[in-house]
């Protein structure tokens, strides 16, 4: 996606409810991004197979709207505790 962000996503019959998992790797991971920037913020989306189109797009849209904000990305990178990250994620 660029901006040091990766959003892998998938659909599966083994997934009961849509979920987003978040990971942060401050030194970055080479994700073969178009801008050659290493991914530091990783959001993994999993949705049930039958909800793949609509639910997946809603989640991706909510993430994208928030992640375009430089200050929000900086806050995620600077968060010191799990509670800080959860609080930031709840603003989406």
PDB file of N, CA and C in Angstrom:
ATOM      1  N   UNK A   1       0.818  -1.194   0.000  1.00  0.00           N
ATOM      2  CA  UNK A   1       0.000   0.000   0.000  1.00  0.00           C
ATOM      3  C   UNK A   1       0.859   1.254   0.000  1.00  0.00           C
ATOM      4  N   UNK A   2       2.049   1.196   0.554  1.00  0.00           N
ATOM      5  CA  UNK A   2       2.893   2.372   0.676  1.00  0.00           C
ATOM      6  C   UNK A   2       2.769   2.973   2.058  1.00  0.00           C
ATOM      7  N   UNK A   3       3.468   4.055   2.308  1.00  0.00           N
ATOM      8  CA  UNK A   3       3.471   4.750   3.596  1.00  0.00           C
ATOM      9  C   UNK A   3       3.925   3.852   4.748  1.00  0.00           C
ATOM     10  N   UNK A   4       4.650   2.771   4.457  1.00  0.00           N
ATOM     11  CA  UNK A   4       5.086   1.860   5.514  1.00  0.00           C
ATOM     12  C   UNK A   4       3.968   0.985   6.044  1.00  0.00           C
ATOM     13  N   UNK A   5       2.956   0.739   5.206  1.00  0.00           N
ATOM     14  CA  UNK A   5       1.774  -0.024   5.625  1.00  0.00           C
ATOM     15  C   UNK A   5       1.598  -1.240   4.713  1.00  0.00           C
ATOM     16  N   UNK A   6       1.221  -2.365   5.312  1.00  0.00           N
ATOM     17  CA  UNK A   6       0.829  -3.552   4.548  1.00  0.00           C
ATOM     18  C   UNK A   6      -0.535  -3.999   5.058  1.00  0.00           C
ATOM     19  N   UNK A   7      -1.392  -4.419   4.131  1.00  0.00           N
ATOM     20  CA  UNK A   7      -2.720  -4.891   4.513  1.00  0.00           C
ATOM     21  C   UNK A   7      -3.007  -6.213   3.801  1.00  0.00           C
ATOM     22  N   UNK A   8      -2.418  -7.315   4.292  1.00  0.00           N
ATOM     23  CA  UNK A   8      -2.790  -8.606   3.708  1.00  0.00           C
ATOM     24  C   UNK A   8      -4.211  -8.953   4.123  1.00  0.00           C
ATOM     25  N   UNK A   9      -4.930  -9.630   3.246  1.00  0.00           N
ATOM     26  CA  UNK A   9      -6.321  -9.949   3.561  1.00  0.00           C
ATOM     27  C   UNK A   9      -6.724 -11.255   2.895  1.00  0.00           C
ATOM     28  N   UNK A  10      -7.705 -11.881   3.510  1.00  0.00           N
ATOM     29  CA  UNK A  10      -8.160 -13.141   2.964  1.00  0.00           C
ATOM     30  C   UNK A  10      -9.570 -13.468   3.409  1.00  0.00           C
ATOM     31  N   UNK A  11     -10.178 -14.381   2.691  1.00  0.00           N
ATOM     32  CA  UNK A  11     -11.516 -14.866   3.027  1.00  0.00           C
ATOM     33  C   UNK A  11     -11.408 -16.365   3.246  1.00  0.00           C
ATOM     34  N   UNK A  12     -12.204 -16.872   4.176  1.00  0.00           N
ATOM     35  CA  UNK A  12     -12.138 -18.295   4.468  1.00  0.00           C
ATOM     36  C   UNK A  12     -13.423 -18.765   5.131  1.00  0.00           C
ATOM     37  N   UNK A  13     -13.823 -19.977   4.816  1.00  0.00           N
ATOM     38  CA  UNK A  13     -14.968 -20.590   5.486  1.00  0.00           C
ATOM     39  C   UNK A  13     -14.625 -20.871   6.948  1.00  0.00           C
ATOM     40  N   UNK A  14     -13.346 -20.908   7.289  1.00  0.00           N
ATOM     41  CA  UNK A  14     -12.904 -21.137   8.664  1.00  0.00           C
ATOM     42  C   UNK A  14     -12.990 -19.906   9.543  1.00  0.00           C
ATOM     43  N   UNK A  15     -13.315 -18.764   8.969  1.00  0.00           N
ATOM     44  CA  UNK A  15     -13.445 -17.520   9.728  1.00  0.00           C
ATOM     45  C   UNK A  15     -14.919 -17.302  10.045  1.00  0.00           C
ATOM     46  N   UNK A  16     -15.238 -17.147  11.333  1.00  0.00           N
ATOM     47  CA  UNK A  16     -16.632 -16.971  11.753  1.00  0.00           C
ATOM     48  C   UNK A  16     -17.088 -15.521  11.711  1.00  0.00           C
ATOM     49  N   UNK A  17     -16.204 -14.616  12.079  1.00  0.00           N
ATOM     50  CA  UNK A  17     -16.534 -13.193  12.160  1.00  0.00           C
ATOM     51  C   UNK A  17     -15.406 -12.392  11.524  1.00  0.00           C
ATOM     52  N   UNK A  18     -15.724 -11.267  10.906  1.00  0.00           N
ATOM     53  CA  UNK A  18     -14.663 -10.420  10.359  1.00  0.00           C
ATOM     54  C   UNK A  18     -13.739  -9.951  11.488  1.00  0.00           C
ATOM     55  N   UNK A  19     -12.452  -9.991  11.232  1.00  0.00           N
ATOM     56  CA  UNK A  19     -11.469  -9.582  12.225  1.00  0.00           C
ATOM     57  C   UNK A  19     -10.328  -8.843  11.551  1.00  0.00           C
ATOM     58  N   UNK A  20      -9.714  -7.942  12.333  1.00  0.00           N
ATOM     59  CA  UNK A  20      -8.504  -7.260  11.903  1.00  0.00           C
ATOM     60  C   UNK A  20      -7.469  -7.468  12.996  1.00  0.00           C
ATOM     61  N   UNK A  21      -6.309  -7.948  12.606  1.00  0.00           N
ATOM     62  CA  UNK A  21      -5.188  -8.088  13.532  1.00  0.00           C
ATOM     63  C   UNK A  21      -4.160  -7.033  13.148  1.00  0.00           C
ATOM     64  N   UNK A  22      -3.484  -6.496  14.137  1.00  0.00           N
ATOM     65  CA  UNK A  22      -2.501  -5.440  13.895  1.00  0.00           C
ATOM     66  C   UNK A  22      -1.147  -5.875  14.416  1.00  0.00           C
ATOM     67  N   UNK A  23      -0.126  -5.596  13.633  1.00  0.00           N
ATOM     68  CA  UNK A  23       1.242  -5.838  14.059  1.00  0.00           C
ATOM     69  C   UNK A  23       2.101  -4.642  13.692  1.00  0.00           C
ATOM     70  N   UNK A  24       3.130  -4.444  14.487  1.00  0.00           N
ATOM     71  CA  UNK A  24       4.031  -3.312  14.241  1.00  0.00           C
ATOM     72  C   UNK A  24       5.464  -3.826  14.333  1.00  0.00           C
ATOM     73  N   UNK A  25       6.271  -3.483  13.369  1.00  0.00           N
ATOM     74  CA  UNK A  25       7.680  -3.870  13.328  1.00  0.00           C
ATOM     75  C   UNK A  25       8.459  -2.603  13.012  1.00  0.00           C
ATOM     76  N   UNK A  26       9.009  -1.963  14.036  1.00  0.00           N
ATOM     77  CA  UNK A  26       9.605  -0.637  13.873  1.00  0.00           C
ATOM     78  C   UNK A  26      10.762  -0.599  12.875  1.00  0.00           C
ATOM     79  N   UNK A  27      11.518  -1.687  12.757  1.00  0.00           N
ATOM     80  CA  UNK A  27      12.598  -1.694  11.762  1.00  0.00           C
ATOM     81  C   UNK A  27      12.092  -2.031  10.363  1.00  0.00           C
ATOM     82  N   UNK A  28      10.843  -2.400  10.267  1.00  0.00           N
ATOM     83  CA  UNK A  28      10.210  -2.643   8.978  1.00  0.00           C
ATOM     84  C   UNK A  28      10.456  -4.037   8.423  1.00  0.00           C
ATOM     85  N   UNK A  29       9.560  -4.431   7.531  1.00  0.00           N
ATOM     86  CA  UNK A  29       9.627  -5.715   6.838  1.00  0.00           C
ATOM     87  C   UNK A  29       9.516  -5.420   5.347  1.00  0.00           C
ATOM     88  N   UNK A  30      10.388  -6.033   4.559  1.00  0.00           N
ATOM     89  CA  UNK A  30      10.308  -5.844   3.113  1.00  0.00           C
ATOM     90  C   UNK A  30       9.051  -6.532   2.604  1.00  0.00           C
ATOM     91  N   UNK A  31       8.098  -5.739   2.098  1.00  0.00           N
ATOM     92  CA  UNK A  31       6.805  -6.251   1.653  1.00  0.00           C
ATOM     93  C   UNK A  31       6.639  -6.067   0.149  1.00  0.00           C
ATOM     94  N   UNK A  32       7.743  -5.776  -0.525  1.00  0.00           N
ATOM     95  CA  UNK A  32       7.713  -5.536  -1.976  1.00  0.00           C
ATOM     96  C   UNK A  32       6.702  -4.462  -2.355  1.00  0.00           C
ATOM     97  N   UNK A  33       6.681  -3.382  -1.586  1.00  0.00           N
ATOM     98  CA  UNK A  33       5.727  -2.301  -1.853  1.00  0.00           C
ATOM     99  C   UNK A  33       6.136  -1.521  -3.091  1.00  0.00           C
ATOM    100  N   UNK A  34       5.169  -0.844  -3.666  1.00  0.00           N
ATOM    101  CA  UNK A  34       5.416  -0.068  -4.879  1.00  0.00           C
ATOM    102  C   UNK A  34       6.397   1.076  -4.630  1.00  0.00           C
ATOM    103  N   UNK A  35       6.423   1.597  -3.388  1.00  0.00           N
ATOM    104  CA  UNK A  35       7.337   2.700  -3.090  1.00  0.00           C
ATOM    105  C   UNK A  35       8.649   2.220  -2.464  1.00  0.00           C
ATOM    106  N   UNK A  36       8.856   0.902  -2.411  1.00  0.00           N
ATOM    107  CA  UNK A  36      10.068   0.289  -1.853  1.00  0.00           C
ATOM    108  C   UNK A  36      10.294   0.604  -0.368  1.00  0.00           C
ATOM    109  N   UNK A  37       9.280   1.111   0.294  1.00  0.00           N
ATOM    110  CA  UNK A  37       9.380   1.398   1.721  1.00  0.00           C
ATOM    111  C   UNK A  37       9.016   0.139   2.503  1.00  0.00           C
ATOM    112  N   UNK A  38       9.782  -0.150   3.549  1.00  0.00           N
ATOM    113  CA  UNK A  38       9.481  -1.315   4.378  1.00  0.00           C
ATOM    114  C   UNK A  38       8.199  -1.078   5.170  1.00  0.00           C
ATOM    115  N   UNK A  39       7.420  -2.138   5.338  1.00  0.00           N
ATOM    116  CA  UNK A  39       6.171  -2.045   6.103  1.00  0.00           C
ATOM    117  C   UNK A  39       6.487  -2.085   7.591  1.00  0.00           C
ATOM    118  N   UNK A  40       5.988  -1.092   8.301  1.00  0.00           N
ATOM    119  CA  UNK A  40       6.134  -1.033   9.756  1.00  0.00           C
ATOM    120  C   UNK A  40       4.798  -1.276  10.449  1.00  0.00           C
ATOM    121  N   UNK A  41       3.722  -0.970   9.763  1.00  0.00           N
ATOM    122  CA  UNK A  41       2.371  -1.160  10.290  1.00  0.00           C
ATOM    123  C   UNK A  41       1.674  -2.198   9.414  1.00  0.00           C
ATOM    124  N   UNK A  42       1.274  -3.314  10.020  1.00  0.00           N
ATOM    125  CA  UNK A  42       0.655  -4.404   9.268  1.00  0.00           C
ATOM    126  C   UNK A  42      -0.733  -4.674   9.829  1.00  0.00           C
ATOM    127  N   UNK A  43      -1.725  -4.603   8.963  1.00  0.00           N
ATOM    128  CA  UNK A  43      -3.115  -4.860   9.335  1.00  0.00           C
ATOM    129  C   UNK A  43      -3.569  -6.085   8.551  1.00  0.00           C
ATOM    130  N   UNK A  44      -3.888  -7.163   9.258  1.00  0.00           N
ATOM    131  CA  UNK A  44      -4.304  -8.403   8.611  1.00  0.00           C
ATOM    132  C   UNK A  44      -5.817  -8.534   8.719  1.00  0.00           C
ATOM    133  N   UNK A  45      -6.490  -8.606   7.584  1.00  0.00           N
ATOM    134  CA  UNK A  45      -7.951  -8.692   7.546  1.00  0.00           C
ATOM    135  C   UNK A  45      -8.360 -10.129   7.207  1.00  0.00           C
ATOM    136  N   UNK A  46      -9.258 -10.674   8.018  1.00  0.00           N
ATOM    137  CA  UNK A  46      -9.829 -11.999   7.734  1.00  0.00           C
ATOM    138  C   UNK A  46     -11.344 -11.874   7.797  1.00  0.00           C
ATOM    139  N   UNK A  47     -12.010 -12.344   6.760  1.00  0.00           N
ATOM    140  CA  UNK A  47     -13.473 -12.285   6.716  1.00  0.00           C
ATOM    141  C   UNK A  47     -14.029 -13.652   6.318  1.00  0.00           C
ATOM    142  N   UNK A  48     -15.262 -13.942   6.765  1.00  0.00           N
ATOM    143  CA  UNK A  48     -15.905 -15.183   6.324  1.00  0.00           C
ATOM    144  C   UNK A  48     -16.088 -15.154   4.806  1.00  0.00           C
ATOM    145  N   UNK A  49     -15.983 -16.297   4.192  1.00  0.00           N
ATOM    146  CA  UNK A  49     -16.068 -16.387   2.729  1.00  0.00           C
ATOM    147  C   UNK A  49     -17.332 -15.742   2.171  1.00  0.00           C
ATOM    148  N   UNK A  50     -18.472 -15.955   2.840  1.00  0.00           N
ATOM    149  CA  UNK A  50     -19.740 -15.426   2.329  1.00  0.00           C
ATOM    150  C   UNK A  50     -19.859 -13.904   2.469  1.00  0.00           C
ATOM    151  N   UNK A  51     -18.990 -13.280   3.262  1.00  0.00           N
ATOM    152  CA  UNK A  51     -19.016 -11.823   3.436  1.00  0.00           C
ATOM    153  C   UNK A  51     -17.840 -11.150   2.742  1.00  0.00           C
ATOM    154  N   UNK A  52     -17.127 -11.886   1.933  1.00  0.00           N
ATOM    155  CA  UNK A  52     -15.862 -11.413   1.374  1.00  0.00           C
ATOM    156  C   UNK A  52     -15.954 -10.071   0.667  1.00  0.00           C
ATOM    157  N   UNK A  53     -16.906  -9.881  -0.212  1.00  0.00           N
ATOM    158  CA  UNK A  53     -16.962  -8.641  -0.980  1.00  0.00           C
ATOM    159  C   UNK A  53     -17.305  -7.424  -0.148  1.00  0.00           C
ATOM    160  N   UNK A  54     -18.483  -7.405   0.426  1.00  0.00           N
ATOM    161  CA  UNK A  54     -18.992  -6.237   1.124  1.00  0.00           C
ATOM    162  C   UNK A  54     -18.232  -5.929   2.417  1.00  0.00           C
ATOM    163  N   UNK A  55     -18.102  -6.904   3.282  1.00  0.00           N
ATOM    164  CA  UNK A  55     -17.468  -6.676   4.587  1.00  0.00           C
ATOM    165  C   UNK A  55     -15.991  -6.337   4.427  1.00  0.00           C
ATOM    166  N   UNK A  56     -15.326  -7.038   3.546  1.00  0.00           N
ATOM    167  CA  UNK A  56     -13.914  -6.779   3.289  1.00  0.00           C
ATOM    168  C   UNK A  56     -13.707  -5.333   2.840  1.00  0.00           C
ATOM    169  N   UNK A  57     -14.555  -4.865   1.938  1.00  0.00           N
ATOM    170  CA  UNK A  57     -14.421  -3.493   1.435  1.00  0.00           C
ATOM    171  C   UNK A  57     -14.702  -2.455   2.515  1.00  0.00           C
ATOM    172  N   UNK A  58     -15.680  -2.727   3.380  1.00  0.00           N
ATOM    173  CA  UNK A  58     -15.976  -1.801   4.482  1.00  0.00           C
ATOM    174  C   UNK A  58     -14.770  -1.650   5.407  1.00  0.00           C
ATOM    175  N   UNK A  59     -14.159  -2.774   5.756  1.00  0.00           N
ATOM    176  CA  UNK A  59     -12.997  -2.750   6.647  1.00  0.00           C
ATOM    177  C   UNK A  59     -11.839  -2.038   5.973  1.00  0.00           C
ATOM    178  N   UNK A  60     -11.575  -2.361   4.733  1.00  0.00           N
ATOM    179  CA  UNK A  60     -10.482  -1.732   3.988  1.00  0.00           C
ATOM    180  C   UNK A  60     -10.698  -0.231   3.857  1.00  0.00           C
ATOM    181  N   UNK A  61     -11.929   0.174   3.633  1.00  0.00           N
ATOM    182  CA  UNK A  61     -12.250   1.596   3.524  1.00  0.00           C
ATOM    183  C   UNK A  61     -12.003   2.320   4.853  1.00  0.00           C
ATOM    184  N   UNK A  62     -12.435   1.720   5.965  1.00  0.00           N
ATOM    185  CA  UNK A  62     -12.236   2.338   7.278  1.00  0.00           C
ATOM    186  C   UNK A  62     -10.747   2.461   7.599  1.00  0.00           C
ATOM    187  N   UNK A  63      -9.991   1.417   7.318  1.00  0.00           N
ATOM    188  CA  UNK A  63      -8.547   1.469   7.549  1.00  0.00           C
ATOM    189  C   UNK A  63      -7.891   2.543   6.687  1.00  0.00           C
ATOM    190  N   UNK A  64      -8.212   2.538   5.414  1.00  0.00           N
ATOM    191  CA  UNK A  64      -7.586   3.485   4.479  1.00  0.00           C
ATOM    192  C   UNK A  64      -7.865   4.930   4.857  1.00  0.00           C
ATOM    193  N   UNK A  65      -9.114   5.213   5.254  1.00  0.00           N
ATOM    194  CA  UNK A  65      -9.475   6.585   5.648  1.00  0.00           C
ATOM    195  C   UNK A  65      -8.611   7.080   6.798  1.00  0.00           C
ATOM    196  N   UNK A  66      -8.356   6.216   7.761  1.00  0.00           N
ATOM    197  CA  UNK A  66      -7.600   6.617   8.934  1.00  0.00           C
ATOM    198  C   UNK A  66      -6.099   6.616   8.647  1.00  0.00           C
ATOM    199  N   UNK A  67      -5.624   5.647   7.875  1.00  0.00           N
ATOM    200  CA  UNK A  67      -4.186   5.499   7.657  1.00  0.00           C
ATOM    201  C   UNK A  67      -3.604   6.531   6.701  1.00  0.00           C
ATOM    202  N   UNK A  68      -4.435   7.258   5.993  1.00  0.00           N
ATOM    203  CA  UNK A  68      -3.949   8.322   5.122  1.00  0.00           C
ATOM    204  C   UNK A  68      -3.432   9.512   5.960  1.00  0.00           C
ATOM    205  N   UNK A  69      -3.853   9.562   7.213  1.00  0.00           N
ATOM    206  CA  UNK A  69      -3.486  10.641   8.142  1.00  0.00           C
ATOM    207  C   UNK A  69      -2.085  10.396   8.718  1.00  0.00           C
ATOM    208  N   UNK A  70      -1.142  11.274   8.357  1.00  0.00           N
ATOM    209  CA  UNK A  70       0.242  11.141   8.828  1.00  0.00           C
ATOM    210  C   UNK A  70       0.334  11.087  10.351  1.00  0.00           C
ATOM    211  N   UNK A  71      -0.448  11.908  11.032  1.00  0.00           N
ATOM    212  CA  UNK A  71      -0.354  11.958  12.493  1.00  0.00           C
ATOM    213  C   UNK A  71      -0.880  10.667  13.128  1.00  0.00           C
ATOM    214  N   UNK A  72      -1.902  10.057  12.520  1.00  0.00           N
ATOM    215  CA  UNK A  72      -2.419   8.797  13.050  1.00  0.00           C
ATOM    216  C   UNK A  72      -1.364   7.697  12.919  1.00  0.00           C
ATOM    217  N   UNK A  73      -0.712   7.632  11.749  1.00  0.00           N
ATOM    218  CA  UNK A  73       0.343   6.637  11.566  1.00  0.00           C
ATOM    219  C   UNK A  73       1.471   6.865  12.562  1.00  0.00           C
ATOM    220  N   UNK A  74       1.827   8.110  12.778  1.00  0.00           N
ATOM    221  CA  UNK A  74       2.890   8.424  13.737  1.00  0.00           C
ATOM    222  C   UNK A  74       2.489   8.006  15.160  1.00  0.00           C
ATOM    223  N   UNK A  75       1.229   8.207  15.511  1.00  0.00           N
ATOM    224  CA  UNK A  75       0.763   7.797  16.834  1.00  0.00           C
ATOM    225  C   UNK A  75       0.847   6.281  17.000  1.00  0.00           C
ATOM    226  N   UNK A  76       0.490   5.535  15.953  1.00  0.00           N
ATOM    227  CA  UNK A  76       0.609   4.077  16.026  1.00  0.00           C
ATOM    228  C   UNK A  76       2.066   3.651  16.185  1.00  0.00           C
ATOM    229  N   UNK A  77       2.946   4.317  15.473  1.00  0.00           N
ATOM    230  CA  UNK A  77       4.369   3.991  15.575  1.00  0.00           C
ATOM    231  C   UNK A  77       4.950   4.362  16.937  1.00  0.00           C
ATOM    232  N   UNK A  78       4.427   5.420  17.549  1.00  0.00           N
ATOM    233  CA  UNK A  78       4.954   5.906  18.823  1.00  0.00           C
ATOM    234  C   UNK A  78       4.282   5.300  20.047  1.00  0.00           C
ATOM    235  N   UNK A  79       3.187   4.578  19.857  1.00  0.00           N
ATOM    236  CA  UNK A  79       2.446   4.018  20.993  1.00  0.00           C
ATOM    237  C   UNK A  79       3.371   3.137  21.833  1.00  0.00           C
ATOM    238  N   UNK A  80       3.294   3.319  23.144  1.00  0.00           N
ATOM    239  CA  UNK A  80       4.175   2.582  24.064  1.00  0.00           C
ATOM    240  C   UNK A  80       3.523   1.347  24.662  1.00  0.00           C
ATOM    241  N   UNK A  81       2.196   1.317  24.676  1.00  0.00           N
ATOM    242  CA  UNK A  81       1.510   0.198  25.317  1.00  0.00           C
ATOM    243  C   UNK A  81       0.434  -0.375  24.391  1.00  0.00           C
ATOM    244  N   UNK A  82       0.042  -1.584  24.709  1.00  0.00           N
ATOM    245  CA  UNK A  82      -1.045  -2.238  23.976  1.00  0.00           C
ATOM    246  C   UNK A  82      -2.328  -1.426  24.119  1.00  0.00           C
ATOM    247  N   UNK A  83      -2.581  -0.871  25.304  1.00  0.00           N
ATOM    248  CA  UNK A  83      -3.786  -0.074  25.521  1.00  0.00           C
ATOM    249  C   UNK A  83      -3.815   1.175  24.649  1.00  0.00           C
ATOM    250  N   UNK A  84      -2.658   1.797  24.425  1.00  0.00           N
ATOM    251  CA  UNK A  84      -2.582   2.957  23.534  1.00  0.00           C
ATOM    252  C   UNK A  84      -2.969   2.552  22.101  1.00  0.00           C
ATOM    253  N   UNK A  85      -2.456   1.420  21.663  1.00  0.00           N
ATOM    254  CA  UNK A  85      -2.761   0.932  20.304  1.00  0.00           C
ATOM    255  C   UNK A  85      -4.247   0.635  20.193  1.00  0.00           C
ATOM    256  N   UNK A  86      -4.815  -0.047  21.193  1.00  0.00           N
ATOM    257  CA  UNK A  86      -6.241  -0.370  21.168  1.00  0.00           C
ATOM    258  C   UNK A  86      -7.080   0.890  21.148  1.00  0.00           C
ATOM    259  N   UNK A  87      -6.707   1.881  21.922  1.00  0.00           N
ATOM    260  CA  UNK A  87      -7.427   3.141  21.941  1.00  0.00           C
ATOM    261  C   UNK A  87      -7.406   3.816  20.573  1.00  0.00           C
ATOM    262  N   UNK A  88      -6.255   3.814  19.919  1.00  0.00           N
ATOM    263  CA  UNK A  88      -6.137   4.389  18.575  1.00  0.00           C
ATOM    264  C   UNK A  88      -6.973   3.602  17.572  1.00  0.00           C
ATOM    265  N   UNK A  89      -6.924   2.284  17.665  1.00  0.00           N
ATOM    266  CA  UNK A  89      -7.688   1.453  16.725  1.00  0.00           C
ATOM    267  C   UNK A  89      -9.188   1.656  16.910  1.00  0.00           C
ATOM    268  N   UNK A  90      -9.607   1.925  18.119  1.00  0.00           N
ATOM    269  CA  UNK A  90     -11.038   2.141  18.375  1.00  0.00           C
ATOM    270  C   UNK A  90     -11.556   3.440  17.775  1.00  0.00           C
ATOM    271  N   UNK A  91     -10.678   4.315  17.315  1.00  0.00           N
ATOM    272  CA  UNK A  91     -11.125   5.558  16.681  1.00  0.00           C
ATOM    273  C   UNK A  91     -11.499   5.330  15.222  1.00  0.00           C
ATOM    274  N   UNK A  92     -11.285   4.136  14.711  1.00  0.00           N
ATOM    275  CA  UNK A  92     -11.601   3.855  13.301  1.00  0.00           C
ATOM    276  C   UNK A  92     -13.077   3.615  13.110  1.00  0.00           C
TER     277      UNK A  92
END
